[in-house]
Every structure is written in C-alpha cells, then in structure tokens.
Amino acid sequence: MQKAGLLLGGCVRAWKSARMASSKVTRQNPLQNKVALVTASTDGIGFAIARRLAQDGAHVVISSRKQQNVDRAVATLKGEGLSVTGTVCHVGKAKDRERLVATAVNLHGGIDILISNAAVNPFFGNLLDTTEEVWDKILDINVKAAALMTKAVVPEMEKRGGGSVVFVASIAAFAPFPGLGPYNVSKTALLGLSKNLALELAPKNIRVNCLAPGLIKTNFSSVFWMDKAKEDSVKESMRISR
C-alpha cells in the first residue's frame, strides 16, 4: 500500500513537472513566424489585438484608412521591439484589400491569420428611420467586406496548409444596443457568416471564429461611456456591472 502511494505521488509530481514545462513552451512565442493581417488596427480593439499577436511572435501587418494613423501605430509597436508593418486599407475597396494581402505576401511569404475588425456605425436612432444609404454603408463594410477579405486570404492560407480567420462582432449581436439597429443587425450577420465559413473552410484546415466583445472603452464606443449617466445605465444592464 505504501509502495503504491509512493508510486502515485511520483507520478503526480512528474505529471505536474511535465505540465509546467509544456505550459512554458506553449506560452513562449506560440505564434512564432506566423503572419497576421488585422484590419482597422491602428486604434482600440484592433490595435490591442495587433500588439498581442506580435507579442506572441507573429509578423503583423496592420491597416487603417489613413496613412498617418498607420504610421503612428507602426512606430509605436516597432518601438516596443515588435515585428509590425502597415499599409492603408479601406476594406470596402477591392484594390485596398488586394494591396493588404500583397503586402503580407511580399514581406513575409504568406498569410496564416486574418483578424477582420473593421466596422462603421454612421447612424443613431430608430431602425425604421435608417436610410438606404446608411444600410448600404454599414452592410458593405461590416459584413460584405469581411466576407471578401476572407476570400482574398484563403488561397494564401491554403498554400501554408491552413490558417485562422477571426471576425470581431459584438455583444450587440446577442443583446442589441438601443439606437444602433443597423449596426446590431450587421454584427448578428457576422455570426451567420462565421458559421457558414467555418463549415466551408474546415476541409482546408482553416478555422473560423467570431469574437463578441462587450462594451470596451474605445473611441468607437465613446457614445456609451463619455457621459457618466449613460455609462451607469449601460453598466446597470450588465451582470458584471463594468
């Protein structure tokens, strides 16, 4: 009995030691030499994602509609010793999407990861007051461009034997924000896009996932937290109250 106890204790210690060693290896540059594209990544959530990917060892190509924003973000991340480059990309324009893909391929030889984060929200009010122009803009950028950006990177991911696509949706896809009807609908559509592409791309060894962040303090969401009363109201509706 005593021998069995000693043997079991030894096994447990060995397992713990192996687990700790494995965890250390896993945490150390898990994305070493992977190539990642992140749209709308010079500020807010996109910038934070780009930074973390680079910290985990990836070569990251960031993008934004304005050159000065790209230059500022690249300078900041390079100043942290990270492998980051950038280019202007309006995801609603085919030539810009092509340039973003070409930049990654020319600099790093391929693409392993796409983070589709770009989104717009030019409207606040009742859903039925939304104009056709607003509907077109929101669905073009938030949904159609995400699908077309994925289409552009899939051939490059196939050459690498697989890859990962992540769409940044929103908690608004599950619990709509008041006054943001078209935006809420577009983020709900991203859930459907993720499910369909996950099925289609699985045989190519390309994973498709969808993030649904809650209210994050960024410039994009400032309408909900710049005013203290609005912030308190939003927090009151959240179970975690933050």
C-alpha atoms as a PDB file:
ATOM      1  CA  MET A   1       0.000   0.000   0.000  1.00  0.00           C
ATOM      2  CA  GLN A   2       2.818   2.339   0.940  1.00  0.00           C
ATOM      3  CA  LYS A   3       4.653   1.500  -2.288  1.00  0.00           C
ATOM      4  CA  ALA A   4       1.528   2.276  -4.275  1.00  0.00           C
ATOM      5  CA  GLY A   5       1.217   5.614  -2.524  1.00  0.00           C
ATOM      6  CA  LEU A   6       4.852   6.495  -3.254  1.00  0.00           C
ATOM      7  CA  LEU A   7       4.414   5.443  -6.871  1.00  0.00           C
ATOM      8  CA  LEU A   8       1.261   7.540  -7.232  1.00  0.00           C
ATOM      9  CA  GLY A   9       2.951  10.517  -5.618  1.00  0.00           C
ATOM     10  CA  GLY A  10       5.872  10.199  -8.015  1.00  0.00           C
ATOM     11  CA  CYS A  11       3.531  10.049 -10.997  1.00  0.00           C
ATOM     12  CA  VAL A  12       1.674  13.157  -9.843  1.00  0.00           C
ATOM     13  CA  ARG A  13       4.920  15.099  -9.382  1.00  0.00           C
ATOM     14  CA  ALA A  14       6.162  14.010 -12.803  1.00  0.00           C
ATOM     15  CA  TRP A  15       2.850  14.988 -14.408  1.00  0.00           C
ATOM     16  CA  LYS A  16       2.910  18.403 -12.747  1.00  0.00           C
ATOM     17  CA  SER A  17       6.506  18.943 -13.862  1.00  0.00           C
ATOM     18  CA  ALA A  18       5.690  17.959 -17.451  1.00  0.00           C
ATOM     19  CA  ARG A  19       2.594  20.162 -17.434  1.00  0.00           C
ATOM     20  CA  MET A  20       4.543  23.175 -16.207  1.00  0.00           C
ATOM     21  CA  ALA A  21       7.240  22.615 -18.824  1.00  0.00           C
ATOM     22  CA  SER A  22       4.630  22.204 -21.539  1.00  0.00           C
ATOM     23  CA  SER A  23       2.810  25.364 -20.449  1.00  0.00           C
ATOM     24  CA  LYS A  24       6.040  27.319 -20.505  1.00  0.00           C
ATOM     25  CA  VAL A  25       6.766  26.177 -24.055  1.00  0.00           C
ATOM     26  CA  THR A  26       3.204  26.951 -25.116  1.00  0.00           C
ATOM     27  CA  ARG A  27       3.347  30.473 -23.704  1.00  0.00           C
ATOM     28  CA  GLN A  28       6.710  31.316 -25.264  1.00  0.00           C
ATOM     29  CA  ASN A  29       6.073  32.822 -28.709  1.00  0.00           C
ATOM     30  CA  PRO A  30       3.181  30.496 -29.673  1.00  0.00           C
ATOM     31  CA  LEU A  31       2.797  32.378 -32.985  1.00  0.00           C
ATOM     32  CA  GLN A  32       6.472  32.401 -33.919  1.00  0.00           C
ATOM     33  CA  ASN A  33       6.876  33.257 -37.628  1.00  0.00           C
ATOM     34  CA  LYS A  34       3.121  33.260 -38.266  1.00  0.00           C
ATOM     35  CA  VAL A  35       1.872  36.110 -40.450  1.00  0.00           C
ATOM     36  CA  ALA A  36      -1.225  38.013 -39.355  1.00  0.00           C
ATOM     37  CA  LEU A  37      -3.374  40.661 -41.021  1.00  0.00           C
ATOM     38  CA  VAL A  38      -5.520  42.870 -38.801  1.00  0.00           C
ATOM     39  CA  THR A  39      -7.977  45.322 -40.349  1.00  0.00           C
ATOM     40  CA  ALA A  40      -8.815  48.608 -38.597  1.00  0.00           C
ATOM     41  CA  SER A  41      -5.892  48.053 -36.263  1.00  0.00           C
ATOM     42  CA  THR A  42      -4.416  51.474 -35.517  1.00  0.00           C
ATOM     43  CA  ASP A  43      -6.681  52.139 -32.520  1.00  0.00           C
ATOM     44  CA  GLY A  44      -8.926  50.463 -29.973  1.00  0.00           C
ATOM     45  CA  ILE A  45      -9.607  46.720 -30.067  1.00  0.00           C
ATOM     46  CA  GLY A  46      -7.812  46.189 -33.374  1.00  0.00           C
ATOM     47  CA  PHE A  47      -4.633  47.841 -32.108  1.00  0.00           C
ATOM     48  CA  ALA A  48      -4.697  45.763 -28.917  1.00  0.00           C
ATOM     49  CA  ILE A  49      -5.132  42.562 -30.956  1.00  0.00           C
ATOM     50  CA  ALA A  50      -2.272  43.501 -33.281  1.00  0.00           C
ATOM     51  CA  ARG A  51       0.008  44.187 -30.311  1.00  0.00           C
ATOM     52  CA  ARG A  52      -0.802  40.854 -28.663  1.00  0.00           C
ATOM     53  CA  LEU A  53      -0.293  38.871 -31.872  1.00  0.00           C
ATOM     54  CA  ALA A  54       3.116  40.490 -32.313  1.00  0.00           C
ATOM     55  CA  GLN A  55       3.998  39.895 -28.658  1.00  0.00           C
ATOM     56  CA  ASP A  56       3.244  36.217 -29.241  1.00  0.00           C
ATOM     57  CA  GLY A  57       5.756  36.111 -32.081  1.00  0.00           C
ATOM     58  CA  ALA A  58       3.716  36.856 -35.206  1.00  0.00           C
ATOM     59  CA  HIS A  59       4.692  39.182 -38.022  1.00  0.00           C
ATOM     60  CA  VAL A  60       1.727  41.570 -38.062  1.00  0.00           C
ATOM     61  CA  VAL A  61       0.503  43.768 -40.902  1.00  0.00           C
ATOM     62  CA  ILE A  62      -1.787  46.455 -39.539  1.00  0.00           C
ATOM     63  CA  SER A  63      -4.063  48.679 -41.593  1.00  0.00           C
ATOM     64  CA  SER A  64      -6.307  51.705 -41.468  1.00  0.00           C
ATOM     65  CA  ARG A  65      -7.936  54.139 -43.880  1.00  0.00           C
ATOM     66  CA  LYS A  66      -5.467  56.938 -43.064  1.00  0.00           C
ATOM     67  CA  GLN A  67      -1.721  56.826 -43.642  1.00  0.00           C
ATOM     68  CA  GLN A  68      -0.913  58.968 -40.602  1.00  0.00           C
ATOM     69  CA  ASN A  69      -2.733  56.535 -38.332  1.00  0.00           C
ATOM     70  CA  VAL A  70      -0.850  53.606 -39.836  1.00  0.00           C
ATOM     71  CA  ASP A  71       2.493  55.401 -39.411  1.00  0.00           C
ATOM     72  CA  ARG A  72       1.748  56.261 -35.783  1.00  0.00           C
ATOM     73  CA  ALA A  73       0.673  52.724 -34.842  1.00  0.00           C
ATOM     74  CA  VAL A  74       3.615  51.085 -36.619  1.00  0.00           C
ATOM     75  CA  ALA A  75       6.068  53.432 -34.910  1.00  0.00           C
ATOM     76  CA  THR A  76       4.551  52.683 -31.503  1.00  0.00           C
ATOM     77  CA  LEU A  77       4.681  48.903 -31.892  1.00  0.00           C
ATOM     78  CA  LYS A  78       8.113  48.864 -33.511  1.00  0.00           C
ATOM     79  CA  GLY A  79       9.277  50.962 -30.573  1.00  0.00           C
ATOM     80  CA  GLU A  80       8.247  48.016 -28.384  1.00  0.00           C
ATOM     81  CA  GLY A  81      10.519  45.726 -30.398  1.00  0.00           C
ATOM     82  CA  LEU A  82       7.664  44.038 -32.266  1.00  0.00           C
ATOM     83  CA  SER A  83       7.608  42.799 -35.875  1.00  0.00           C
ATOM     84  CA  VAL A  84       4.953  45.096 -37.328  1.00  0.00           C
ATOM     85  CA  THR A  85       4.413  46.761 -40.682  1.00  0.00           C
ATOM     86  CA  GLY A  86       1.384  48.551 -42.049  1.00  0.00           C
ATOM     87  CA  THR A  87      -0.450  49.808 -45.094  1.00  0.00           C
ATOM     88  CA  VAL A  88      -3.504  51.885 -45.887  1.00  0.00           C
ATOM     89  CA  CYS A  89      -6.577  49.734 -46.412  1.00  0.00           C
ATOM     90  CA  HIS A  90     -10.193  50.777 -46.817  1.00  0.00           C
ATOM     91  CA  VAL A  91     -11.790  47.330 -46.612  1.00  0.00           C
ATOM     92  CA  GLY A  92     -14.666  48.474 -48.802  1.00  0.00           C
ATOM     93  CA  LYS A  93     -12.281  48.942 -51.745  1.00  0.00           C
ATOM     94  CA  ALA A  94     -11.116  45.901 -53.709  1.00  0.00           C
ATOM     95  CA  LYS A  95      -7.738  47.441 -54.609  1.00  0.00           C
ATOM     96  CA  ASP A  96      -7.007  48.192 -50.962  1.00  0.00           C
ATOM     97  CA  ARG A  97      -7.861  44.624 -49.919  1.00  0.00           C
ATOM     98  CA  GLU A  98      -5.581  43.298 -52.654  1.00  0.00           C
ATOM     99  CA  ARG A  99      -2.768  45.600 -51.529  1.00  0.00           C
ATOM    100  CA  LEU A 100      -3.095  44.445 -47.917  1.00  0.00           C
ATOM    101  CA  VAL A 101      -2.783  40.794 -48.955  1.00  0.00           C
ATOM    102  CA  ALA A 102       0.088  41.565 -51.339  1.00  0.00           C
ATOM    103  CA  THR A 103       1.950  43.465 -48.609  1.00  0.00           C
ATOM    104  CA  ALA A 104       1.894  40.448 -46.306  1.00  0.00           C
ATOM    105  CA  VAL A 105       2.882  38.018 -49.044  1.00  0.00           C
ATOM    106  CA  ASN A 106       5.698  40.196 -50.380  1.00  0.00           C
ATOM    107  CA  LEU A 107       7.159  40.920 -46.952  1.00  0.00           C
ATOM    108  CA  HIS A 108       6.639  37.600 -45.198  1.00  0.00           C
ATOM    109  CA  GLY A 109       5.864  34.994 -47.850  1.00  0.00           C
ATOM    110  CA  GLY A 110       2.275  34.207 -46.927  1.00  0.00           C
ATOM    111  CA  ILE A 111      -0.662  34.638 -44.543  1.00  0.00           C
ATOM    112  CA  ASP A 112      -1.689  32.488 -41.562  1.00  0.00           C
ATOM    113  CA  ILE A 113      -4.143  34.690 -39.663  1.00  0.00           C
ATOM    114  CA  LEU A 114      -6.824  37.221 -40.553  1.00  0.00           C
ATOM    115  CA  ILE A 115      -8.478  39.344 -37.886  1.00  0.00           C
ATOM    116  CA  SER A 116     -11.422  41.125 -39.521  1.00  0.00           C
ATOM    117  CA  ASN A 117     -12.086  44.037 -37.197  1.00  0.00           C
ATOM    118  CA  ALA A 118     -13.155  46.906 -39.474  1.00  0.00           C
ATOM    119  CA  ALA A 119     -16.621  48.329 -38.824  1.00  0.00           C
ATOM    120  CA  VAL A 120     -18.600  51.544 -39.153  1.00  0.00           C
ATOM    121  CA  ASN A 121     -21.629  52.967 -37.433  1.00  0.00           C
ATOM    122  CA  PRO A 122     -22.788  56.238 -39.021  1.00  0.00           C
ATOM    123  CA  PHE A 123     -26.302  56.135 -37.558  1.00  0.00           C
ATOM    124  CA  PHE A 124     -28.067  56.505 -34.205  1.00  0.00           C
ATOM    125  CA  GLY A 125     -31.843  56.338 -33.989  1.00  0.00           C
ATOM    126  CA  ASN A 126     -34.825  54.134 -34.763  1.00  0.00           C
ATOM    127  CA  LEU A 127     -34.234  51.190 -37.067  1.00  0.00           C
ATOM    128  CA  LEU A 128     -37.085  52.160 -39.405  1.00  0.00           C
ATOM    129  CA  ASP A 129     -35.618  55.636 -39.844  1.00  0.00           C
ATOM    130  CA  THR A 130     -32.453  54.190 -41.377  1.00  0.00           C
ATOM    131  CA  THR A 131     -31.911  55.360 -44.948  1.00  0.00           C
ATOM    132  CA  GLU A 132     -30.936  53.060 -47.807  1.00  0.00           C
ATOM    133  CA  GLU A 133     -27.583  54.822 -47.997  1.00  0.00           C
ATOM    134  CA  VAL A 134     -26.836  54.055 -44.343  1.00  0.00           C
ATOM    135  CA  TRP A 135     -27.913  50.421 -44.759  1.00  0.00           C
ATOM    136  CA  ASP A 136     -25.594  50.069 -47.762  1.00  0.00           C
ATOM    137  CA  LYS A 137     -22.612  51.583 -45.952  1.00  0.00           C
ATOM    138  CA  ILE A 138     -22.994  49.511 -42.780  1.00  0.00           C
ATOM    139  CA  LEU A 139     -23.597  46.195 -44.535  1.00  0.00           C
ATOM    140  CA  ASP A 140     -20.880  46.857 -47.138  1.00  0.00           C
ATOM    141  CA  ILE A 141     -18.175  47.486 -44.535  1.00  0.00           C
ATOM    142  CA  ASN A 142     -19.295  45.394 -41.581  1.00  0.00           C
ATOM    143  CA  VAL A 143     -20.403  42.271 -43.451  1.00  0.00           C
ATOM    144  CA  LYS A 144     -19.647  42.162 -47.188  1.00  0.00           C
ATOM    145  CA  ALA A 145     -16.085  43.456 -46.832  1.00  0.00           C
ATOM    146  CA  ALA A 146     -15.400  40.868 -44.108  1.00  0.00           C
ATOM    147  CA  ALA A 147     -16.514  38.090 -46.453  1.00  0.00           C
ATOM    148  CA  LEU A 148     -14.484  39.462 -49.377  1.00  0.00           C
ATOM    149  CA  MET A 149     -11.401  39.976 -47.209  1.00  0.00           C
ATOM    150  CA  THR A 150     -11.651  36.328 -46.196  1.00  0.00           C
ATOM    151  CA  LYS A 151     -11.994  35.299 -49.824  1.00  0.00           C
ATOM    152  CA  ALA A 152      -8.795  37.195 -50.596  1.00  0.00           C
ATOM    153  CA  VAL A 153      -6.687  35.469 -47.910  1.00  0.00           C
ATOM    154  CA  VAL A 154      -7.938  31.883 -48.216  1.00  0.00           C
ATOM    155  CA  PRO A 155      -5.743  30.989 -51.258  1.00  0.00           C
ATOM    156  CA  GLU A 156      -2.662  32.172 -49.346  1.00  0.00           C
ATOM    157  CA  MET A 157      -3.666  30.212 -46.242  1.00  0.00           C
ATOM    158  CA  GLU A 158      -4.132  27.085 -48.342  1.00  0.00           C
ATOM    159  CA  LYS A 159      -0.536  27.398 -49.536  1.00  0.00           C
ATOM    160  CA  ARG A 160       0.554  27.337 -45.873  1.00  0.00           C
ATOM    161  CA  GLY A 161      -1.523  24.248 -45.108  1.00  0.00           C
ATOM    162  CA  GLY A 162      -4.218  26.088 -43.153  1.00  0.00           C
ATOM    163  CA  GLY A 163      -4.942  29.181 -41.142  1.00  0.00           C
ATOM    164  CA  SER A 164      -7.250  31.065 -38.839  1.00  0.00           C
ATOM    165  CA  VAL A 165      -9.922  33.679 -39.528  1.00  0.00           C
ATOM    166  CA  VAL A 166     -11.434  35.705 -36.687  1.00  0.00           C
ATOM    167  CA  PHE A 167     -14.348  38.086 -37.128  1.00  0.00           C
ATOM    168  CA  VAL A 168     -14.836  40.757 -34.468  1.00  0.00           C
ATOM    169  CA  ALA A 169     -18.583  41.019 -33.941  1.00  0.00           C
ATOM    170  CA  SER A 170     -20.154  42.437 -30.775  1.00  0.00           C
ATOM    171  CA  ILE A 171     -22.311  41.576 -27.815  1.00  0.00           C
ATOM    172  CA  ALA A 172     -24.847  43.651 -29.757  1.00  0.00           C
ATOM    173  CA  ALA A 173     -25.387  40.538 -31.883  1.00  0.00           C
ATOM    174  CA  PHE A 174     -26.996  38.913 -28.812  1.00  0.00           C
ATOM    175  CA  ALA A 175     -28.345  41.897 -26.864  1.00  0.00           C
ATOM    176  CA  PRO A 176     -28.970  44.852 -29.228  1.00  0.00           C
ATOM    177  CA  PHE A 177     -27.829  48.309 -28.194  1.00  0.00           C
ATOM    178  CA  PRO A 178     -30.655  50.886 -28.244  1.00  0.00           C
ATOM    179  CA  GLY A 179     -30.435  53.266 -31.187  1.00  0.00           C
ATOM    180  CA  LEU A 180     -27.915  51.144 -33.098  1.00  0.00           C
ATOM    181  CA  GLY A 181     -30.302  48.921 -35.044  1.00  0.00           C
ATOM    182  CA  PRO A 182     -28.388  48.602 -38.356  1.00  0.00           C
ATOM    183  CA  TYR A 183     -25.100  48.092 -36.514  1.00  0.00           C
ATOM    184  CA  ASN A 184     -26.692  45.413 -34.318  1.00  0.00           C
ATOM    185  CA  VAL A 185     -28.031  43.657 -37.420  1.00  0.00           C
ATOM    186  CA  SER A 186     -24.624  43.744 -39.121  1.00  0.00           C
ATOM    187  CA  LYS A 187     -22.935  42.174 -36.109  1.00  0.00           C
ATOM    188  CA  THR A 188     -25.606  39.479 -35.967  1.00  0.00           C
ATOM    189  CA  ALA A 189     -24.894  38.783 -39.646  1.00  0.00           C
ATOM    190  CA  LEU A 190     -21.238  38.168 -38.763  1.00  0.00           C
ATOM    191  CA  LEU A 191     -22.334  35.267 -36.573  1.00  0.00           C
ATOM    192  CA  GLY A 192     -24.026  33.694 -39.575  1.00  0.00           C
ATOM    193  CA  LEU A 193     -21.020  34.409 -41.787  1.00  0.00           C
ATOM    194  CA  SER A 194     -18.745  32.726 -39.243  1.00  0.00           C
ATOM    195  CA  LYS A 195     -20.909  29.589 -39.021  1.00  0.00           C
ATOM    196  CA  ASN A 196     -21.140  29.193 -42.785  1.00  0.00           C
ATOM    197  CA  LEU A 197     -17.461  29.814 -43.470  1.00  0.00           C
ATOM    198  CA  ALA A 198     -16.427  27.519 -40.625  1.00  0.00           C
ATOM    199  CA  LEU A 199     -18.178  24.648 -42.405  1.00  0.00           C
ATOM    200  CA  GLU A 200     -16.835  25.524 -45.845  1.00  0.00           C
ATOM    201  CA  LEU A 201     -13.231  26.152 -44.804  1.00  0.00           C
ATOM    202  CA  ALA A 202     -12.753  23.305 -42.315  1.00  0.00           C
ATOM    203  CA  PRO A 203     -11.687  20.856 -45.077  1.00  0.00           C
ATOM    204  CA  LYS A 204      -8.944  23.341 -45.997  1.00  0.00           C
ATOM    205  CA  ASN A 205      -7.705  23.303 -42.371  1.00  0.00           C
ATOM    206  CA  ILE A 206      -8.799  26.915 -41.891  1.00  0.00           C
ATOM    207  CA  ARG A 207     -10.559  27.693 -38.620  1.00  0.00           C
ATOM    208  CA  VAL A 208     -13.196  30.429 -38.439  1.00  0.00           C
ATOM    209  CA  ASN A 209     -14.168  32.008 -35.129  1.00  0.00           C
ATOM    210  CA  CYS A 210     -16.128  35.045 -34.027  1.00  0.00           C
ATOM    211  CA  LEU A 211     -15.481  37.359 -31.074  1.00  0.00           C
ATOM    212  CA  ALA A 212     -18.351  39.227 -29.438  1.00  0.00           C
ATOM    213  CA  PRO A 213     -16.780  41.863 -27.148  1.00  0.00           C
ATOM    214  CA  GLY A 214     -18.864  43.678 -24.590  1.00  0.00           C
ATOM    215  CA  LEU A 215     -18.584  47.424 -24.061  1.00  0.00           C
ATOM    216  CA  ILE A 216     -14.902  48.334 -24.310  1.00  0.00           C
ATOM    217  CA  LYS A 217     -13.720  51.887 -23.638  1.00  0.00           C
ATOM    218  CA  THR A 218     -12.570  52.911 -27.114  1.00  0.00           C
ATOM    219  CA  ASN A 219     -13.205  55.973 -29.270  1.00  0.00           C
ATOM    220  CA  PHE A 220     -15.635  53.917 -31.343  1.00  0.00           C
ATOM    221  CA  SER A 221     -17.880  53.231 -28.338  1.00  0.00           C
ATOM    222  CA  SER A 222     -17.474  56.630 -26.656  1.00  0.00           C
ATOM    223  CA  VAL A 223     -21.161  57.484 -27.099  1.00  0.00           C
ATOM    224  CA  PHE A 224     -21.894  54.917 -24.378  1.00  0.00           C
ATOM    225  CA  TRP A 225     -19.326  55.922 -21.770  1.00  0.00           C
ATOM    226  CA  MET A 226     -18.263  59.559 -22.251  1.00  0.00           C
ATOM    227  CA  ASP A 227     -21.421  60.647 -20.446  1.00  0.00           C
ATOM    228  CA  LYS A 228     -21.446  59.345 -16.843  1.00  0.00           C
ATOM    229  CA  ALA A 229     -25.215  58.827 -16.786  1.00  0.00           C
ATOM    230  CA  LYS A 230     -25.089  56.729 -19.962  1.00  0.00           C
ATOM    231  CA  GLU A 231     -22.165  54.719 -18.647  1.00  0.00           C
ATOM    232  CA  ASP A 232     -24.006  53.979 -15.395  1.00  0.00           C
ATOM    233  CA  SER A 233     -27.105  52.968 -17.361  1.00  0.00           C
ATOM    234  CA  VAL A 234     -25.111  50.570 -19.561  1.00  0.00           C
ATOM    235  CA  LYS A 235     -23.299  49.060 -16.584  1.00  0.00           C
ATOM    236  CA  GLU A 236     -26.590  48.559 -14.809  1.00  0.00           C
ATOM    237  CA  SER A 237     -27.764  46.369 -17.698  1.00  0.00           C
ATOM    238  CA  MET A 238     -24.636  44.202 -17.471  1.00  0.00           C
ATOM    239  CA  ARG A 239     -24.440  41.372 -14.977  1.00  0.00           C
ATOM    240  CA  ILE A 240     -20.795  42.197 -14.217  1.00  0.00           C
ATOM    241  CA  SER A 241     -21.598  45.908 -13.793  1.00  0.00           C
ATOM    242  CA  ARG A 242     -18.425  47.060 -15.524  1.00  0.00           C
END
